[in-house]
N, C-alpha and C. Protein backbone atom coordinates (compact mmCIF):
# COMPACT_ATOMS: atom_id res chain seq x y z
N MET A 1 -2.18 9.22 14.02
CA MET A 1 -2.81 7.92 13.75
C MET A 1 -3.38 7.94 12.33
N ILE A 2 -3.32 6.81 11.70
CA ILE A 2 -3.88 6.69 10.36
C ILE A 2 -5.19 5.92 10.44
N LYS A 3 -6.25 6.55 9.94
CA LYS A 3 -7.54 5.87 9.84
C LYS A 3 -7.58 5.25 8.44
N TYR A 4 -7.94 3.97 8.39
CA TYR A 4 -8.00 3.29 7.10
C TYR A 4 -9.41 3.32 6.56
N TYR A 5 -9.55 3.72 5.31
CA TYR A 5 -10.84 3.76 4.63
C TYR A 5 -10.88 2.54 3.71
N LEU A 6 -11.58 1.51 4.15
CA LEU A 6 -11.61 0.24 3.43
C LEU A 6 -13.00 -0.01 2.86
N SER A 7 -13.04 -0.35 1.60
CA SER A 7 -14.31 -0.61 0.94
C SER A 7 -14.38 -2.06 0.47
N LYS A 8 -15.59 -2.55 0.36
CA LYS A 8 -15.80 -3.91 -0.13
C LYS A 8 -15.51 -3.94 -1.63
N ASN A 9 -14.88 -5.00 -2.08
CA ASN A 9 -14.58 -5.23 -3.50
C ASN A 9 -13.72 -4.14 -4.13
N ALA A 10 -12.77 -3.61 -3.38
CA ALA A 10 -11.84 -2.63 -3.95
C ALA A 10 -11.06 -3.29 -5.09
N ALA A 11 -10.66 -2.49 -6.05
CA ALA A 11 -9.83 -3.03 -7.13
C ALA A 11 -8.44 -3.38 -6.60
N ILE A 12 -7.89 -2.49 -5.75
CA ILE A 12 -6.54 -2.70 -5.22
C ILE A 12 -6.50 -2.37 -3.73
N LEU A 13 -5.87 -3.25 -2.97
CA LEU A 13 -5.55 -2.99 -1.58
C LEU A 13 -4.03 -2.91 -1.49
N PHE A 14 -3.50 -1.71 -1.25
CA PHE A 14 -2.06 -1.53 -1.06
C PHE A 14 -1.73 -1.79 0.40
N VAL A 15 -0.72 -2.63 0.63
CA VAL A 15 -0.34 -3.02 1.99
C VAL A 15 1.10 -2.61 2.26
N GLY A 16 1.28 -1.81 3.31
CA GLY A 16 2.62 -1.43 3.76
C GLY A 16 2.95 -2.15 5.04
N ILE A 17 4.21 -2.10 5.45
CA ILE A 17 4.61 -2.77 6.69
C ILE A 17 4.22 -1.92 7.89
N ASN A 18 4.59 -0.63 7.90
CA ASN A 18 4.23 0.28 8.99
C ASN A 18 4.49 1.71 8.54
N PRO A 19 3.87 2.68 9.20
CA PRO A 19 4.05 4.07 8.77
C PRO A 19 5.34 4.69 9.28
N HIS A 20 5.84 5.64 8.53
CA HIS A 20 6.91 6.52 9.00
C HIS A 20 6.23 7.59 9.86
N PHE A 21 6.98 8.27 10.70
CA PHE A 21 6.40 9.29 11.57
C PHE A 21 5.68 10.39 10.78
N GLY A 22 6.21 10.77 9.62
CA GLY A 22 5.57 11.80 8.79
C GLY A 22 4.20 11.38 8.31
N SER A 23 4.08 10.15 7.84
CA SER A 23 2.79 9.62 7.40
C SER A 23 1.83 9.51 8.57
N TYR A 24 2.33 9.05 9.69
CA TYR A 24 1.52 8.87 10.89
C TYR A 24 0.95 10.20 11.36
N SER A 25 1.78 11.24 11.40
CA SER A 25 1.30 12.54 11.88
C SER A 25 0.34 13.19 10.89
N ARG A 26 0.52 12.94 9.59
CA ARG A 26 -0.39 13.46 8.57
C ARG A 26 -1.71 12.68 8.52
N GLY A 27 -1.65 11.42 8.96
CA GLY A 27 -2.84 10.57 8.89
C GLY A 27 -3.08 10.00 7.50
N VAL A 28 -2.04 9.98 6.68
CA VAL A 28 -2.15 9.50 5.30
C VAL A 28 -1.03 8.50 5.04
N PRO A 29 -1.37 7.25 4.66
CA PRO A 29 -0.32 6.26 4.39
C PRO A 29 0.63 6.72 3.28
N PHE A 30 1.88 6.34 3.40
CA PHE A 30 2.90 6.59 2.37
C PHE A 30 3.08 8.07 2.03
N SER A 31 2.83 8.94 3.02
CA SER A 31 2.93 10.37 2.72
C SER A 31 4.14 11.05 3.34
N ASN A 32 5.07 10.29 3.92
CA ASN A 32 6.23 10.93 4.53
C ASN A 32 6.97 11.80 3.53
N ASN A 33 7.34 11.23 2.38
CA ASN A 33 7.96 12.05 1.33
C ASN A 33 7.08 12.11 0.08
N LYS A 34 5.94 11.49 0.13
CA LYS A 34 4.90 11.52 -0.92
C LYS A 34 5.30 10.84 -2.23
N MET A 35 6.47 10.23 -2.29
CA MET A 35 6.92 9.59 -3.53
C MET A 35 5.92 8.56 -4.03
N PHE A 36 5.36 7.75 -3.13
CA PHE A 36 4.40 6.73 -3.56
C PHE A 36 3.20 7.38 -4.23
N TRP A 37 2.73 8.49 -3.69
CA TRP A 37 1.59 9.19 -4.28
C TRP A 37 1.94 9.75 -5.65
N TYR A 38 3.16 10.25 -5.81
CA TYR A 38 3.60 10.75 -7.12
C TYR A 38 3.64 9.60 -8.12
N LEU A 39 4.09 8.44 -7.66
CA LEU A 39 4.14 7.26 -8.54
C LEU A 39 2.74 6.80 -8.93
N LEU A 40 1.79 6.84 -8.00
CA LEU A 40 0.40 6.49 -8.32
C LEU A 40 -0.12 7.40 -9.43
N SER A 41 0.20 8.67 -9.36
CA SER A 41 -0.23 9.63 -10.37
C SER A 41 0.45 9.35 -11.71
N LYS A 42 1.74 9.11 -11.67
CA LYS A 42 2.51 8.85 -12.90
C LYS A 42 2.03 7.57 -13.60
N ALA A 43 1.56 6.60 -12.82
CA ALA A 43 1.06 5.34 -13.38
C ALA A 43 -0.42 5.42 -13.75
N ASP A 44 -1.02 6.59 -13.60
CA ASP A 44 -2.43 6.83 -13.93
C ASP A 44 -3.40 6.03 -13.06
N LEU A 45 -2.99 5.69 -11.86
CA LEU A 45 -3.93 5.07 -10.91
C LEU A 45 -4.78 6.13 -10.24
N ILE A 46 -4.25 7.34 -10.16
CA ILE A 46 -5.01 8.51 -9.71
C ILE A 46 -4.75 9.63 -10.71
N LYS A 47 -5.66 10.57 -10.80
CA LYS A 47 -5.56 11.64 -11.81
C LYS A 47 -4.91 12.92 -11.30
N GLU A 48 -4.75 13.04 -9.98
CA GLU A 48 -4.21 14.27 -9.40
C GLU A 48 -2.73 14.43 -9.75
N PRO A 49 -2.33 15.62 -10.20
CA PRO A 49 -0.92 15.86 -10.55
C PRO A 49 -0.05 16.05 -9.31
N ARG A 50 1.23 16.00 -9.52
CA ARG A 50 2.21 16.13 -8.44
C ARG A 50 2.01 17.40 -7.61
N GLU A 51 1.74 18.53 -8.26
CA GLU A 51 1.54 19.79 -7.53
C GLU A 51 0.38 19.69 -6.55
N PHE A 52 -0.69 19.05 -6.95
CA PHE A 52 -1.84 18.84 -6.06
C PHE A 52 -1.43 17.98 -4.87
N LEU A 53 -0.69 16.92 -5.14
CA LEU A 53 -0.30 15.97 -4.09
C LEU A 53 0.70 16.55 -3.10
N LYS A 54 1.41 17.60 -3.48
CA LYS A 54 2.36 18.25 -2.57
C LYS A 54 1.66 18.96 -1.42
N ASP A 55 0.41 19.35 -1.63
CA ASP A 55 -0.36 20.08 -0.61
C ASP A 55 -0.96 19.08 0.39
N ASP A 56 -0.52 19.15 1.64
CA ASP A 56 -0.97 18.19 2.67
C ASP A 56 -2.48 18.16 2.84
N THR A 57 -3.12 19.32 2.80
CA THR A 57 -4.57 19.39 2.98
C THR A 57 -5.29 18.69 1.84
N LYS A 58 -4.85 18.96 0.62
CA LYS A 58 -5.47 18.33 -0.55
C LYS A 58 -5.22 16.82 -0.56
N LEU A 59 -4.01 16.42 -0.18
CA LEU A 59 -3.69 14.98 -0.14
C LEU A 59 -4.58 14.27 0.88
N LYS A 60 -4.77 14.87 2.03
CA LYS A 60 -5.62 14.27 3.07
C LYS A 60 -7.07 14.15 2.57
N GLN A 61 -7.57 15.17 1.89
CA GLN A 61 -8.92 15.11 1.32
C GLN A 61 -9.02 14.00 0.28
N LEU A 62 -8.02 13.88 -0.57
CA LEU A 62 -8.00 12.81 -1.57
C LEU A 62 -8.01 11.45 -0.88
N TYR A 63 -7.18 11.30 0.14
CA TYR A 63 -7.09 10.01 0.84
C TYR A 63 -8.44 9.57 1.40
N THR A 64 -9.22 10.49 1.92
CA THR A 64 -10.51 10.11 2.51
C THR A 64 -11.53 9.71 1.44
N THR A 65 -11.33 10.14 0.21
CA THR A 65 -12.30 9.84 -0.85
C THR A 65 -11.80 8.80 -1.86
N ILE A 66 -10.55 8.39 -1.72
CA ILE A 66 -9.93 7.52 -2.74
C ILE A 66 -10.64 6.16 -2.91
N PRO A 67 -11.19 5.55 -1.86
CA PRO A 67 -11.88 4.26 -2.09
C PRO A 67 -13.05 4.38 -3.07
N LYS A 68 -13.81 5.46 -2.98
CA LYS A 68 -14.95 5.64 -3.89
C LYS A 68 -14.50 6.13 -5.26
N ARG A 69 -13.56 7.07 -5.28
CA ARG A 69 -13.13 7.68 -6.54
C ARG A 69 -12.32 6.73 -7.41
N TYR A 70 -11.45 5.93 -6.78
CA TYR A 70 -10.52 5.12 -7.56
C TYR A 70 -10.55 3.62 -7.24
N LYS A 71 -11.37 3.22 -6.28
CA LYS A 71 -11.45 1.80 -5.87
C LYS A 71 -10.11 1.29 -5.34
N ILE A 72 -9.40 2.17 -4.64
CA ILE A 72 -8.11 1.84 -4.05
C ILE A 72 -8.20 1.97 -2.54
N ASN A 73 -7.65 1.01 -1.83
CA ASN A 73 -7.59 1.03 -0.36
C ASN A 73 -6.13 0.90 0.07
N PHE A 74 -5.86 1.35 1.29
CA PHE A 74 -4.52 1.28 1.87
C PHE A 74 -4.60 0.75 3.29
N ILE A 75 -3.58 0.01 3.70
CA ILE A 75 -3.47 -0.44 5.09
C ILE A 75 -2.01 -0.77 5.39
N ASN A 76 -1.63 -0.65 6.64
CA ASN A 76 -0.32 -1.11 7.11
C ASN A 76 -0.53 -2.33 7.98
N ILE A 77 0.41 -3.26 7.95
CA ILE A 77 0.33 -4.44 8.81
C ILE A 77 0.52 -4.03 10.27
N ILE A 78 1.48 -3.15 10.51
CA ILE A 78 1.77 -2.67 11.87
C ILE A 78 1.44 -1.18 11.91
N ASP A 79 0.69 -0.76 12.92
CA ASP A 79 0.29 0.64 13.01
C ASP A 79 1.33 1.54 13.67
N LYS A 80 2.27 0.96 14.39
CA LYS A 80 3.28 1.74 15.12
C LYS A 80 4.24 2.42 14.14
N PRO A 81 4.41 3.75 14.26
CA PRO A 81 5.35 4.43 13.37
C PRO A 81 6.80 4.22 13.80
N THR A 82 7.68 4.13 12.82
CA THR A 82 9.12 4.07 13.06
C THR A 82 9.81 4.88 11.96
N LYS A 83 11.04 5.23 12.22
CA LYS A 83 11.84 5.93 11.21
C LYS A 83 12.28 4.96 10.13
N ASP A 84 12.50 3.71 10.53
CA ASP A 84 13.00 2.69 9.62
C ASP A 84 12.44 1.33 10.03
N VAL A 85 12.22 0.48 9.07
CA VAL A 85 11.65 -0.85 9.32
C VAL A 85 12.54 -1.68 10.26
N SER A 86 13.82 -1.38 10.29
CA SER A 86 14.73 -2.14 11.16
C SER A 86 14.43 -1.92 12.65
N GLU A 87 13.66 -0.90 12.97
CA GLU A 87 13.28 -0.63 14.36
C GLU A 87 12.15 -1.54 14.85
N LEU A 88 11.53 -2.27 13.94
CA LEU A 88 10.46 -3.19 14.33
C LEU A 88 11.05 -4.44 14.97
N LYS A 89 10.33 -4.97 15.94
CA LYS A 89 10.77 -6.19 16.61
C LYS A 89 10.07 -7.40 16.02
N LYS A 90 10.76 -8.52 16.04
CA LYS A 90 10.18 -9.77 15.54
C LYS A 90 8.88 -10.05 16.30
N GLY A 91 7.86 -10.39 15.57
CA GLY A 91 6.57 -10.71 16.17
C GLY A 91 5.60 -9.55 16.25
N GLU A 92 6.08 -8.32 16.01
CA GLU A 92 5.17 -7.16 16.07
C GLU A 92 4.10 -7.22 14.99
N GLU A 93 4.36 -7.99 13.96
CA GLU A 93 3.42 -8.07 12.85
C GLU A 93 2.28 -9.06 13.10
N THR A 94 2.37 -9.90 14.10
CA THR A 94 1.43 -11.00 14.31
C THR A 94 -0.03 -10.55 14.32
N GLU A 95 -0.36 -9.58 15.14
CA GLU A 95 -1.75 -9.11 15.23
C GLU A 95 -2.21 -8.46 13.93
N GLY A 96 -1.31 -7.70 13.31
CA GLY A 96 -1.64 -7.04 12.06
C GLY A 96 -1.88 -8.03 10.92
N VAL A 97 -1.14 -9.12 10.91
CA VAL A 97 -1.34 -10.16 9.89
C VAL A 97 -2.73 -10.77 10.07
N LYS A 98 -3.10 -11.08 11.30
CA LYS A 98 -4.44 -11.63 11.56
C LYS A 98 -5.52 -10.65 11.11
N ARG A 99 -5.33 -9.38 11.44
CA ARG A 99 -6.30 -8.34 11.04
C ARG A 99 -6.40 -8.26 9.52
N LEU A 100 -5.24 -8.30 8.84
CA LEU A 100 -5.23 -8.20 7.38
C LEU A 100 -5.92 -9.39 6.74
N ILE A 101 -5.71 -10.58 7.25
CA ILE A 101 -6.39 -11.77 6.72
C ILE A 101 -7.90 -11.61 6.82
N LYS A 102 -8.38 -11.13 7.96
CA LYS A 102 -9.83 -10.89 8.13
C LYS A 102 -10.33 -9.85 7.13
N ILE A 103 -9.56 -8.79 6.95
CA ILE A 103 -9.96 -7.74 6.01
C ILE A 103 -10.04 -8.30 4.59
N ILE A 104 -9.07 -9.11 4.21
CA ILE A 104 -9.07 -9.71 2.87
C ILE A 104 -10.30 -10.61 2.71
N GLU A 105 -10.60 -11.41 3.72
CA GLU A 105 -11.77 -12.30 3.66
C GLU A 105 -13.07 -11.51 3.57
N GLN A 106 -13.18 -10.43 4.33
CA GLN A 106 -14.42 -9.66 4.38
C GLN A 106 -14.57 -8.69 3.21
N LYS A 107 -13.51 -8.01 2.84
CA LYS A 107 -13.59 -6.94 1.83
C LYS A 107 -13.36 -7.44 0.41
N LYS A 108 -12.69 -8.58 0.27
CA LYS A 108 -12.48 -9.21 -1.04
C LYS A 108 -11.89 -8.27 -2.11
N PRO A 109 -10.72 -7.70 -1.86
CA PRO A 109 -10.12 -6.87 -2.91
C PRO A 109 -9.75 -7.73 -4.12
N LYS A 110 -9.85 -7.14 -5.29
CA LYS A 110 -9.51 -7.87 -6.51
C LYS A 110 -8.01 -8.20 -6.53
N LEU A 111 -7.19 -7.24 -6.08
CA LEU A 111 -5.74 -7.43 -6.07
C LEU A 111 -5.16 -6.81 -4.80
N ILE A 112 -4.22 -7.52 -4.20
CA ILE A 112 -3.50 -7.02 -3.03
C ILE A 112 -2.07 -6.75 -3.47
N CYS A 113 -1.63 -5.51 -3.29
CA CYS A 113 -0.27 -5.13 -3.67
C CYS A 113 0.54 -4.86 -2.41
N PHE A 114 1.51 -5.72 -2.15
CA PHE A 114 2.39 -5.54 -1.00
C PHE A 114 3.53 -4.62 -1.41
N ILE A 115 3.75 -3.57 -0.63
CA ILE A 115 4.77 -2.58 -0.92
C ILE A 115 6.09 -3.04 -0.29
N GLY A 116 6.94 -3.62 -1.09
CA GLY A 116 8.24 -4.10 -0.63
C GLY A 116 8.23 -5.56 -0.21
N LYS A 117 9.38 -6.19 -0.39
CA LYS A 117 9.52 -7.61 -0.02
C LYS A 117 9.33 -7.84 1.47
N VAL A 118 9.84 -6.93 2.31
CA VAL A 118 9.72 -7.10 3.76
C VAL A 118 8.26 -7.22 4.17
N THR A 119 7.41 -6.41 3.58
CA THR A 119 5.98 -6.45 3.91
C THR A 119 5.40 -7.83 3.63
N PHE A 120 5.70 -8.37 2.45
CA PHE A 120 5.15 -9.68 2.08
C PHE A 120 5.76 -10.81 2.90
N THR A 121 7.07 -10.76 3.12
CA THR A 121 7.70 -11.85 3.89
C THR A 121 7.21 -11.85 5.34
N LYS A 122 6.98 -10.69 5.91
CA LYS A 122 6.42 -10.62 7.28
C LYS A 122 4.99 -11.16 7.29
N PHE A 123 4.23 -10.84 6.26
CA PHE A 123 2.85 -11.31 6.17
C PHE A 123 2.80 -12.83 6.05
N LYS A 124 3.63 -13.38 5.18
CA LYS A 124 3.61 -14.82 4.91
C LYS A 124 4.45 -15.65 5.88
N GLY A 125 5.34 -15.00 6.63
CA GLY A 125 6.22 -15.74 7.53
C GLY A 125 7.28 -16.53 6.78
N ILE A 126 7.75 -15.96 5.67
CA ILE A 126 8.78 -16.60 4.85
C ILE A 126 10.03 -15.72 4.81
N ASN A 127 11.12 -16.24 4.27
CA ASN A 127 12.36 -15.48 4.24
C ASN A 127 12.66 -14.81 2.90
N LYS A 128 12.16 -15.39 1.81
CA LYS A 128 12.49 -14.86 0.48
C LYS A 128 11.24 -14.79 -0.38
N VAL A 129 11.25 -13.82 -1.28
CA VAL A 129 10.18 -13.69 -2.26
C VAL A 129 10.73 -12.91 -3.45
N GLU A 130 10.20 -13.16 -4.60
CA GLU A 130 10.56 -12.40 -5.80
C GLU A 130 9.50 -11.33 -6.02
N PHE A 131 9.88 -10.26 -6.70
CA PHE A 131 8.91 -9.23 -7.05
C PHE A 131 7.96 -9.77 -8.10
N GLY A 132 6.77 -9.23 -8.14
CA GLY A 132 5.80 -9.60 -9.16
C GLY A 132 4.63 -10.37 -8.60
N LEU A 133 3.94 -11.05 -9.49
CA LEU A 133 2.73 -11.79 -9.16
C LEU A 133 3.04 -13.00 -8.29
N GLN A 134 2.20 -13.23 -7.28
CA GLN A 134 2.34 -14.34 -6.34
C GLN A 134 1.09 -15.21 -6.41
N ASP A 135 1.05 -16.26 -5.60
CA ASP A 135 -0.17 -17.07 -5.50
C ASP A 135 -1.28 -16.24 -4.88
N ASN A 136 -2.51 -16.51 -5.31
CA ASN A 136 -3.67 -15.79 -4.78
C ASN A 136 -3.81 -16.00 -3.27
N ILE A 137 -4.42 -15.03 -2.62
CA ILE A 137 -4.88 -15.17 -1.25
C ILE A 137 -6.40 -15.14 -1.34
N HIS A 138 -7.01 -16.28 -1.06
CA HIS A 138 -8.44 -16.46 -1.29
C HIS A 138 -8.70 -16.15 -2.77
N SER A 139 -9.61 -15.24 -3.07
CA SER A 139 -9.90 -14.94 -4.48
C SER A 139 -9.12 -13.73 -4.98
N SER A 140 -8.26 -13.16 -4.15
CA SER A 140 -7.52 -11.95 -4.51
C SER A 140 -6.17 -12.29 -5.16
N LYS A 141 -5.89 -11.61 -6.27
CA LYS A 141 -4.55 -11.70 -6.86
C LYS A 141 -3.59 -11.00 -5.91
N VAL A 142 -2.32 -11.39 -5.97
CA VAL A 142 -1.31 -10.82 -5.08
C VAL A 142 -0.09 -10.40 -5.90
N TYR A 143 0.39 -9.20 -5.62
CA TYR A 143 1.56 -8.66 -6.32
C TYR A 143 2.50 -8.04 -5.29
N VAL A 144 3.80 -8.27 -5.46
CA VAL A 144 4.81 -7.65 -4.60
C VAL A 144 5.61 -6.67 -5.46
N MET A 145 5.59 -5.40 -5.05
CA MET A 145 6.33 -4.37 -5.80
C MET A 145 7.50 -3.85 -4.97
N HIS A 146 8.40 -3.16 -5.64
CA HIS A 146 9.53 -2.53 -4.97
C HIS A 146 9.04 -1.45 -4.01
N PHE A 147 9.79 -1.23 -2.95
CA PHE A 147 9.52 -0.13 -2.03
C PHE A 147 9.71 1.17 -2.80
N PRO A 148 8.85 2.17 -2.64
CA PRO A 148 8.86 3.34 -3.52
C PRO A 148 9.94 4.39 -3.28
N VAL A 149 10.82 4.22 -2.32
CA VAL A 149 11.76 5.30 -2.01
C VAL A 149 13.10 5.16 -2.71
N ARG A 150 13.72 4.01 -2.61
CA ARG A 150 15.06 3.84 -3.17
C ARG A 150 14.99 3.24 -4.58
N GLY A 151 15.83 3.74 -5.46
CA GLY A 151 15.89 3.14 -6.79
C GLY A 151 15.18 3.97 -7.85
N TYR A 152 15.07 3.39 -9.02
CA TYR A 152 14.52 4.08 -10.18
C TYR A 152 13.00 4.13 -10.15
N ALA A 153 12.46 5.33 -10.33
CA ALA A 153 11.01 5.51 -10.35
C ALA A 153 10.39 4.75 -11.52
N LYS A 154 11.13 4.64 -12.63
CA LYS A 154 10.61 3.98 -13.83
C LYS A 154 10.17 2.54 -13.53
N ILE A 155 10.94 1.84 -12.69
CA ILE A 155 10.60 0.46 -12.33
C ILE A 155 9.29 0.43 -11.55
N ARG A 156 9.13 1.35 -10.61
CA ARG A 156 7.91 1.39 -9.79
C ARG A 156 6.69 1.76 -10.61
N VAL A 157 6.85 2.70 -11.52
CA VAL A 157 5.74 3.10 -12.39
C VAL A 157 5.32 1.91 -13.25
N LYS A 158 6.30 1.19 -13.79
CA LYS A 158 6.00 -0.01 -14.59
C LYS A 158 5.24 -1.03 -13.75
N GLU A 159 5.68 -1.25 -12.51
CA GLU A 159 4.99 -2.19 -11.62
C GLU A 159 3.57 -1.73 -11.33
N LEU A 160 3.40 -0.45 -11.06
CA LEU A 160 2.06 0.07 -10.75
C LEU A 160 1.14 -0.01 -11.96
N LYS A 161 1.67 0.17 -13.16
CA LYS A 161 0.86 0.00 -14.37
C LYS A 161 0.43 -1.46 -14.52
N GLU A 162 1.32 -2.38 -14.15
CA GLU A 162 0.98 -3.81 -14.18
C GLU A 162 -0.09 -4.12 -13.13
N VAL A 163 0.04 -3.55 -11.95
CA VAL A 163 -0.96 -3.71 -10.89
C VAL A 163 -2.32 -3.19 -11.39
N LYS A 164 -2.30 -2.04 -12.02
CA LYS A 164 -3.53 -1.45 -12.57
C LYS A 164 -4.17 -2.40 -13.59
N ARG A 165 -3.35 -2.94 -14.48
CA ARG A 165 -3.86 -3.87 -15.50
C ARG A 165 -4.44 -5.13 -14.86
N LEU A 166 -3.71 -5.70 -13.90
CA LEU A 166 -4.17 -6.93 -13.23
C LEU A 166 -5.46 -6.71 -12.45
N ALA A 167 -5.64 -5.48 -11.96
CA ALA A 167 -6.85 -5.16 -11.19
C ALA A 167 -8.02 -4.78 -12.10
N GLY A 168 -7.75 -4.69 -13.40
CA GLY A 168 -8.82 -4.38 -14.35
C GLY A 168 -9.22 -2.92 -14.36
N LEU A 169 -8.30 -2.05 -14.01
CA LEU A 169 -8.61 -0.61 -14.01
C LEU A 169 -8.18 0.05 -15.31
């Protein structure tokens, strides 16, 4: 199970669709292959180097302190782990979307970054979206970035640097 450490007025709230089994068993979002964490480091959103992030114990310790150290929060819309997003059933996101809206209203993150188009389209109940800046949700800026596993890391690092800039970090 993943425990979410959410702080009021975070600079960035990263939102995923649901955890992979590896992330779920570690208790750390986006840690199945750790690529997202490596990208956060490469984009200077966190200072820990790749070697540090490879160590599961150190990564878990970082995750529990990241809201205070870096003003970054993480959450998944759906808590159920799957190997692939295609295993999710239509409507499984409904409760998580309601929960996320409440969290956004209460915690007021400066910027919400949706990881992948599927995450944002499930949240909004729409079929298509472009990557990049979207309309605000309440007072929070909204950004949709590429999923961190497939494709060129350079694109994701560029997006994360833009997220960092938009969040004022």
